[in-house]
């Protein structure tokens, strides 16, 4: 029973590390998506496996709403 009690603390620390890591990933992409003219909440999709790759490709090759002027080649 004692080892189970010690593991409870580890799970709490693991959850805190996971939350910190998710924040490190989400915040910069939220800013990038906002500057590109897309809603910032799209960065939350980066936490979902496979969907994150799809979102990054769509953002990379889509026409950015924040871009002004004539379309320039990428």
PDB file of N, CA and C in Angstrom:
ATOM      1  N   UNK A   1       0.822  -1.187   0.000  1.00  0.00           N
ATOM      2  CA  UNK A   1       0.000   0.000   0.000  1.00  0.00           C
ATOM      3  C   UNK A   1       0.866   1.250   0.000  1.00  0.00           C
ATOM      4  N   UNK A   2       2.021   1.190   0.648  1.00  0.00           N
ATOM      5  CA  UNK A   2       2.899   2.356   0.712  1.00  0.00           C
ATOM      6  C   UNK A   2       3.431   2.754  -0.652  1.00  0.00           C
ATOM      7  N   UNK A   3       3.764   1.769  -1.490  1.00  0.00           N
ATOM      8  CA  UNK A   3       4.278   2.104  -2.820  1.00  0.00           C
ATOM      9  C   UNK A   3       3.190   2.739  -3.688  1.00  0.00           C
ATOM     10  N   UNK A   4       1.951   2.355  -3.479  1.00  0.00           N
ATOM     11  CA  UNK A   4       0.851   2.963  -4.229  1.00  0.00           C
ATOM     12  C   UNK A   4       0.676   4.428  -3.840  1.00  0.00           C
ATOM     13  N   UNK A   5       0.898   4.753  -2.584  1.00  0.00           N
ATOM     14  CA  UNK A   5       0.769   6.137  -2.128  1.00  0.00           C
ATOM     15  C   UNK A   5       1.872   6.992  -2.741  1.00  0.00           C
ATOM     16  N   UNK A   6       3.072   6.441  -2.838  1.00  0.00           N
ATOM     17  CA  UNK A   6       4.179   7.197  -3.432  1.00  0.00           C
ATOM     18  C   UNK A   6       3.947   7.425  -4.922  1.00  0.00           C
ATOM     19  N   UNK A   7       3.305   6.496  -5.593  1.00  0.00           N
ATOM     20  CA  UNK A   7       3.038   6.654  -7.018  1.00  0.00           C
ATOM     21  C   UNK A   7       2.023   7.759  -7.280  1.00  0.00           C
ATOM     22  N   UNK A   8       1.138   8.023  -6.314  1.00  0.00           N
ATOM     23  CA  UNK A   8       0.170   9.100  -6.476  1.00  0.00           C
ATOM     24  C   UNK A   8       0.862  10.435  -6.655  1.00  0.00           C
ATOM     25  N   UNK A   9       1.938  10.675  -5.937  1.00  0.00           N
ATOM     26  CA  UNK A   9       2.707  11.906  -6.100  1.00  0.00           C
ATOM     27  C   UNK A   9       3.359  11.976  -7.469  1.00  0.00           C
ATOM     28  N   UNK A  10       3.828  10.854  -7.965  1.00  0.00           N
ATOM     29  CA  UNK A  10       4.451  10.826  -9.289  1.00  0.00           C
ATOM     30  C   UNK A  10       3.436  11.166 -10.373  1.00  0.00           C
ATOM     31  N   UNK A  11       2.226  10.644 -10.237  1.00  0.00           N
ATOM     32  CA  UNK A  11       1.195  10.938 -11.234  1.00  0.00           C
ATOM     33  C   UNK A  11       0.845  12.418 -11.234  1.00  0.00           C
ATOM     34  N   UNK A  12       0.831  13.047 -10.067  1.00  0.00           N
ATOM     35  CA  UNK A  12       0.579  14.482  -9.990  1.00  0.00           C
ATOM     36  C   UNK A  12       1.678  15.273 -10.667  1.00  0.00           C
ATOM     37  N   UNK A  13       2.927  14.881 -10.421  1.00  0.00           N
ATOM     38  CA  UNK A  13       4.059  15.564 -11.057  1.00  0.00           C
ATOM     39  C   UNK A  13       4.033  15.338 -12.567  1.00  0.00           C
ATOM     40  N   UNK A  14       3.679  14.160 -12.987  1.00  0.00           N
ATOM     41  CA  UNK A  14       3.599  13.858 -14.415  1.00  0.00           C
ATOM     42  C   UNK A  14       2.535  14.723 -15.082  1.00  0.00           C
ATOM     43  N   UNK A  15       1.398  14.888 -14.431  1.00  0.00           N
ATOM     44  CA  UNK A  15       0.344  15.744 -14.970  1.00  0.00           C
ATOM     45  C   UNK A  15       0.788  17.192 -15.088  1.00  0.00           C
ATOM     46  N   UNK A  16       1.552  17.665 -14.117  1.00  0.00           N
ATOM     47  CA  UNK A  16       2.061  19.033 -14.153  1.00  0.00           C
ATOM     48  C   UNK A  16       3.057  19.213 -15.297  1.00  0.00           C
ATOM     49  N   UNK A  17       3.926  18.239 -15.497  1.00  0.00           N
ATOM     50  CA  UNK A  17       4.893  18.297 -16.598  1.00  0.00           C
ATOM     51  C   UNK A  17       4.158  18.261 -17.940  1.00  0.00           C
ATOM     52  N   UNK A  18       3.134  17.440 -18.046  1.00  0.00           N
ATOM     53  CA  UNK A  18       2.345  17.356 -19.277  1.00  0.00           C
ATOM     54  C   UNK A  18       1.647  18.683 -19.571  1.00  0.00           C
ATOM     55  N   UNK A  19       1.098  19.318 -18.553  1.00  0.00           N
ATOM     56  CA  UNK A  19       0.448  20.615 -18.727  1.00  0.00           C
ATOM     57  C   UNK A  19       1.454  21.677 -19.155  1.00  0.00           C
ATOM     58  N   UNK A  20       2.631  21.663 -18.562  1.00  0.00           N
ATOM     59  CA  UNK A  20       3.684  22.612 -18.932  1.00  0.00           C
ATOM     60  C   UNK A  20       4.113  22.390 -20.385  1.00  0.00           C
ATOM     61  N   UNK A  21       4.286  21.147 -20.788  1.00  0.00           N
ATOM     62  CA  UNK A  21       4.698  20.833 -22.156  1.00  0.00           C
ATOM     63  C   UNK A  21       3.633  21.267 -23.163  1.00  0.00           C
ATOM     64  N   UNK A  22       2.371  21.028 -22.842  1.00  0.00           N
ATOM     65  CA  UNK A  22       1.287  21.445 -23.733  1.00  0.00           C
ATOM     66  C   UNK A  22       1.268  22.961 -23.877  1.00  0.00           C
ATOM     67  N   UNK A  23       1.539  23.678 -22.789  1.00  0.00           N
ATOM     68  CA  UNK A  23       1.581  25.138 -22.842  1.00  0.00           C
ATOM     69  C   UNK A  23       2.728  25.614 -23.716  1.00  0.00           C
ATOM     70  N   UNK A  24       3.875  24.970 -23.603  1.00  0.00           N
ATOM     71  CA  UNK A  24       5.039  25.341 -24.414  1.00  0.00           C
ATOM     72  C   UNK A  24       4.741  25.131 -25.901  1.00  0.00           C
ATOM     73  N   UNK A  25       3.961  24.137 -26.239  1.00  0.00           N
ATOM     74  CA  UNK A  25       3.606  23.864 -27.633  1.00  0.00           C
ATOM     75  C   UNK A  25       2.518  24.820 -28.119  1.00  0.00           C
ATOM     76  N   UNK A  26       1.484  25.035 -27.318  1.00  0.00           N
ATOM     77  CA  UNK A  26       0.300  25.769 -27.760  1.00  0.00           C
ATOM     78  C   UNK A  26       0.550  27.267 -27.902  1.00  0.00           C
ATOM     79  N   UNK A  27       1.185  27.899 -26.944  1.00  0.00           N
ATOM     80  CA  UNK A  27       1.315  29.365 -26.958  1.00  0.00           C
ATOM     81  C   UNK A  27       1.966  29.931 -28.221  1.00  0.00           C
ATOM     82  N   UNK A  28       3.118  29.429 -28.667  1.00  0.00           N
ATOM     83  CA  UNK A  28       3.702  30.006 -29.881  1.00  0.00           C
ATOM     84  C   UNK A  28       2.838  29.786 -31.123  1.00  0.00           C
ATOM     85  N   UNK A  29       2.219  28.622 -31.231  1.00  0.00           N
ATOM     86  CA  UNK A  29       1.383  28.364 -32.403  1.00  0.00           C
ATOM     87  C   UNK A  29       0.105  29.193 -32.363  1.00  0.00           C
ATOM     88  N   UNK A  30      -0.416  29.467 -31.175  1.00  0.00           N
ATOM     89  CA  UNK A  30      -1.587  30.343 -31.048  1.00  0.00           C
ATOM     90  C   UNK A  30      -1.250  31.710 -31.629  1.00  0.00           C
ATOM     91  N   UNK A  31      -0.055  32.212 -31.287  1.00  0.00           N
ATOM     92  CA  UNK A  31       0.394  33.515 -31.783  1.00  0.00           C
ATOM     93  C   UNK A  31       0.596  33.475 -33.300  1.00  0.00           C
ATOM     94  N   UNK A  32       1.211  32.424 -33.815  1.00  0.00           N
ATOM     95  CA  UNK A  32       1.460  32.292 -35.255  1.00  0.00           C
ATOM     96  C   UNK A  32       0.139  32.247 -36.016  1.00  0.00           C
ATOM     97  N   UNK A  33      -0.802  31.429 -35.551  1.00  0.00           N
ATOM     98  CA  UNK A  33      -2.093  31.323 -36.231  1.00  0.00           C
ATOM     99  C   UNK A  33      -2.832  32.649 -36.206  1.00  0.00           C
ATOM    100  N   UNK A  34      -2.764  33.363 -35.096  1.00  0.00           N
ATOM    101  CA  UNK A  34      -3.436  34.664 -34.998  1.00  0.00           C
ATOM    102  C   UNK A  34      -2.820  35.674 -35.956  1.00  0.00           C
ATOM    103  N   UNK A  35      -1.497  35.698 -36.044  1.00  0.00           N
ATOM    104  CA  UNK A  35      -0.829  36.633 -36.953  1.00  0.00           C
ATOM    105  C   UNK A  35      -1.114  36.300 -38.415  1.00  0.00           C
ATOM    106  N   UNK A  36      -1.337  35.029 -38.700  1.00  0.00           N
ATOM    107  CA  UNK A  36      -1.640  34.615 -40.071  1.00  0.00           C
ATOM    108  C   UNK A  36      -3.096  34.875 -40.431  1.00  0.00           C
ATOM    109  N   UNK A  37      -3.913  35.235 -39.440  1.00  0.00           N
ATOM    110  CA  UNK A  37      -5.315  35.526 -39.706  1.00  0.00           C
ATOM    111  C   UNK A  37      -6.249  34.363 -39.433  1.00  0.00           C
ATOM    112  N   UNK A  38      -5.732  33.282 -38.898  1.00  0.00           N
ATOM    113  CA  UNK A  38      -6.550  32.129 -38.541  1.00  0.00           C
ATOM    114  C   UNK A  38      -6.914  32.216 -37.062  1.00  0.00           C
ATOM    115  N   UNK A  39      -7.990  31.563 -36.641  1.00  0.00           N
ATOM    116  CA  UNK A  39      -8.328  31.592 -35.214  1.00  0.00           C
ATOM    117  C   UNK A  39      -7.250  30.894 -34.392  1.00  0.00           C
ATOM    118  N   UNK A  40      -6.911  31.487 -33.259  1.00  0.00           N
ATOM    119  CA  UNK A  40      -5.857  30.930 -32.413  1.00  0.00           C
ATOM    120  C   UNK A  40      -6.188  29.570 -31.839  1.00  0.00           C
ATOM    121  N   UNK A  41      -7.475  29.277 -31.663  1.00  0.00           N
ATOM    122  CA  UNK A  41      -7.854  28.002 -31.070  1.00  0.00           C
ATOM    123  C   UNK A  41      -7.455  26.812 -31.944  1.00  0.00           C
ATOM    124  N   UNK A  42      -7.134  27.056 -33.204  1.00  0.00           N
ATOM    125  CA  UNK A  42      -6.663  25.949 -34.050  1.00  0.00           C
ATOM    126  C   UNK A  42      -5.388  25.316 -33.490  1.00  0.00           C
ATOM    127  N   UNK A  43      -4.635  26.086 -32.713  1.00  0.00           N
ATOM    128  CA  UNK A  43      -3.409  25.541 -32.131  1.00  0.00           C
ATOM    129  C   UNK A  43      -3.712  24.419 -31.143  1.00  0.00           C
ATOM    130  N   UNK A  44      -4.906  24.380 -30.586  1.00  0.00           N
ATOM    131  CA  UNK A  44      -5.273  23.290 -29.683  1.00  0.00           C
ATOM    132  C   UNK A  44      -5.328  21.952 -30.418  1.00  0.00           C
ATOM    133  N   UNK A  45      -5.566  21.994 -31.719  1.00  0.00           N
ATOM    134  CA  UNK A  45      -5.598  20.756 -32.502  1.00  0.00           C
ATOM    135  C   UNK A  45      -4.216  20.125 -32.622  1.00  0.00           C
ATOM    136  N   UNK A  46      -3.172  20.882 -32.311  1.00  0.00           N
ATOM    137  CA  UNK A  46      -1.822  20.330 -32.383  1.00  0.00           C
ATOM    138  C   UNK A  46      -1.568  19.299 -31.293  1.00  0.00           C
ATOM    139  N   UNK A  47      -2.438  19.221 -30.310  1.00  0.00           N
ATOM    140  CA  UNK A  47      -2.298  18.220 -29.255  1.00  0.00           C
ATOM    141  C   UNK A  47      -2.859  16.861 -29.671  1.00  0.00           C
ATOM    142  N   UNK A  48      -3.572  16.819 -30.790  1.00  0.00           N
ATOM    143  CA  UNK A  48      -4.184  15.570 -31.260  1.00  0.00           C
ATOM    144  C   UNK A  48      -3.276  14.940 -32.310  1.00  0.00           C
ATOM    145  N   UNK A  49      -2.801  13.714 -32.060  1.00  0.00           N
ATOM    146  CA  UNK A  49      -1.930  13.064 -33.034  1.00  0.00           C
ATOM    147  C   UNK A  49      -2.604  12.931 -34.399  1.00  0.00           C
ATOM    148  N   UNK A  50      -1.840  12.998 -35.434  1.00  0.00           N
ATOM    149  CA  UNK A  50      -2.215  12.936 -36.846  1.00  0.00           C
ATOM    150  C   UNK A  50      -2.949  14.215 -37.270  1.00  0.00           C
ATOM    151  N   UNK A  51      -3.889  14.683 -36.464  1.00  0.00           N
ATOM    152  CA  UNK A  51      -4.588  15.933 -36.783  1.00  0.00           C
ATOM    153  C   UNK A  51      -3.588  17.083 -36.791  1.00  0.00           C
ATOM    154  N   UNK A  52      -2.575  17.014 -35.911  1.00  0.00           N
ATOM    155  CA  UNK A  52      -1.580  18.091 -35.859  1.00  0.00           C
ATOM    156  C   UNK A  52      -0.830  18.220 -37.186  1.00  0.00           C
ATOM    157  N   UNK A  53      -0.515  17.122 -37.817  1.00  0.00           N
ATOM    158  CA  UNK A  53       0.171  17.181 -39.110  1.00  0.00           C
ATOM    159  C   UNK A  53      -0.735  17.764 -40.190  1.00  0.00           C
ATOM    160  N   UNK A  54      -1.994  17.370 -40.161  1.00  0.00           N
ATOM    161  CA  UNK A  54      -2.946  17.896 -41.148  1.00  0.00           C
ATOM    162  C   UNK A  54      -3.101  19.400 -40.985  1.00  0.00           C
ATOM    163  N   UNK A  55      -3.236  19.868 -39.751  1.00  0.00           N
ATOM    164  CA  UNK A  55      -3.400  21.307 -39.491  1.00  0.00           C
ATOM    165  C   UNK A  55      -2.178  22.075 -39.967  1.00  0.00           C
ATOM    166  N   UNK A  56      -0.988  21.571 -39.678  1.00  0.00           N
ATOM    167  CA  UNK A  56       0.224  22.278 -40.095  1.00  0.00           C
ATOM    168  C   UNK A  56       0.330  22.358 -41.616  1.00  0.00           C
ATOM    169  N   UNK A  57      -0.020  21.290 -42.313  1.00  0.00           N
ATOM    170  CA  UNK A  57       0.022  21.326 -43.779  1.00  0.00           C
ATOM    171  C   UNK A  57      -1.030  22.275 -44.349  1.00  0.00           C
ATOM    172  N   UNK A  58      -2.219  22.272 -43.769  1.00  0.00           N
ATOM    173  CA  UNK A  58      -3.268  23.178 -44.246  1.00  0.00           C
ATOM    174  C   UNK A  58      -2.841  24.623 -44.039  1.00  0.00           C
ATOM    175  N   UNK A  59      -2.300  24.942 -42.879  1.00  0.00           N
ATOM    176  CA  UNK A  59      -1.856  26.311 -42.589  1.00  0.00           C
ATOM    177  C   UNK A  59      -0.687  26.690 -43.501  1.00  0.00           C
ATOM    178  N   UNK A  60       0.204  25.764 -43.752  1.00  0.00           N
ATOM    179  CA  UNK A  60       1.387  26.071 -44.562  1.00  0.00           C
ATOM    180  C   UNK A  60       1.023  26.383 -46.009  1.00  0.00           C
ATOM    181  N   UNK A  61       0.043  25.681 -46.567  1.00  0.00           N
ATOM    182  CA  UNK A  61      -0.255  25.831 -47.984  1.00  0.00           C
ATOM    183  C   UNK A  61      -1.544  26.597 -48.274  1.00  0.00           C
ATOM    184  N   UNK A  62      -2.246  27.044 -47.249  1.00  0.00           N
ATOM    185  CA  UNK A  62      -3.484  27.806 -47.453  1.00  0.00           C
ATOM    186  C   UNK A  62      -3.163  29.273 -47.718  1.00  0.00           C
ATOM    187  N   UNK A  63      -4.111  29.961 -48.284  1.00  0.00           N
ATOM    188  CA  UNK A  63      -3.994  31.410 -48.465  1.00  0.00           C
ATOM    189  C   UNK A  63      -4.299  32.047 -47.110  1.00  0.00           C
ATOM    190  N   UNK A  64      -3.372  32.846 -46.602  1.00  0.00           N
ATOM    191  CA  UNK A  64      -3.530  33.429 -45.278  1.00  0.00           C
ATOM    192  C   UNK A  64      -4.461  34.629 -45.329  1.00  0.00           C
ATOM    193  N   UNK A  65      -5.474  34.661 -44.474  1.00  0.00           N
ATOM    194  CA  UNK A  65      -6.395  35.796 -44.457  1.00  0.00           C
ATOM    195  C   UNK A  65      -5.718  37.119 -44.084  1.00  0.00           C
ATOM    196  N   UNK A  66      -4.665  37.080 -43.313  1.00  0.00           N
ATOM    197  CA  UNK A  66      -3.999  38.308 -42.869  1.00  0.00           C
ATOM    198  C   UNK A  66      -3.116  38.905 -43.954  1.00  0.00           C
ATOM    199  N   UNK A  67      -2.840  38.146 -44.992  1.00  0.00           N
ATOM    200  CA  UNK A  67      -1.962  38.610 -46.063  1.00  0.00           C
ATOM    201  C   UNK A  67      -2.693  39.640 -46.912  1.00  0.00           C
ATOM    202  N   UNK A  68      -2.068  40.773 -47.133  1.00  0.00           N
ATOM    203  CA  UNK A  68      -2.703  41.839 -47.909  1.00  0.00           C
ATOM    204  C   UNK A  68      -1.976  42.015 -49.228  1.00  0.00           C
ATOM    205  N   UNK A  69      -2.677  42.553 -50.183  1.00  0.00           N
ATOM    206  CA  UNK A  69      -2.057  42.824 -51.469  1.00  0.00           C
ATOM    207  C   UNK A  69      -2.243  41.672 -52.427  1.00  0.00           C
ATOM    208  N   UNK A  70      -1.608  41.765 -53.581  1.00  0.00           N
ATOM    209  CA  UNK A  70      -1.749  40.708 -54.587  1.00  0.00           C
ATOM    210  C   UNK A  70      -1.070  39.426 -54.118  1.00  0.00           C
ATOM    211  N   UNK A  71      -1.545  38.316 -54.635  1.00  0.00           N
ATOM    212  CA  UNK A  71      -0.935  37.033 -54.287  1.00  0.00           C
ATOM    213  C   UNK A  71       0.472  36.969 -54.851  1.00  0.00           C
ATOM    214  N   UNK A  72       1.403  36.702 -53.980  1.00  0.00           N
ATOM    215  CA  UNK A  72       2.795  36.566 -54.378  1.00  0.00           C
ATOM    216  C   UNK A  72       3.164  35.094 -54.342  1.00  0.00           C
ATOM    217  N   UNK A  73       4.059  34.654 -55.186  1.00  0.00           N
ATOM    218  CA  UNK A  73       4.470  33.246 -55.116  1.00  0.00           C
ATOM    219  C   UNK A  73       5.175  32.976 -53.797  1.00  0.00           C
ATOM    220  N   UNK A  74       4.975  31.787 -53.299  1.00  0.00           N
ATOM    221  CA  UNK A  74       5.561  31.418 -52.005  1.00  0.00           C
ATOM    222  C   UNK A  74       6.980  30.979 -52.181  1.00  0.00           C
TER     223      UNK A  74
END
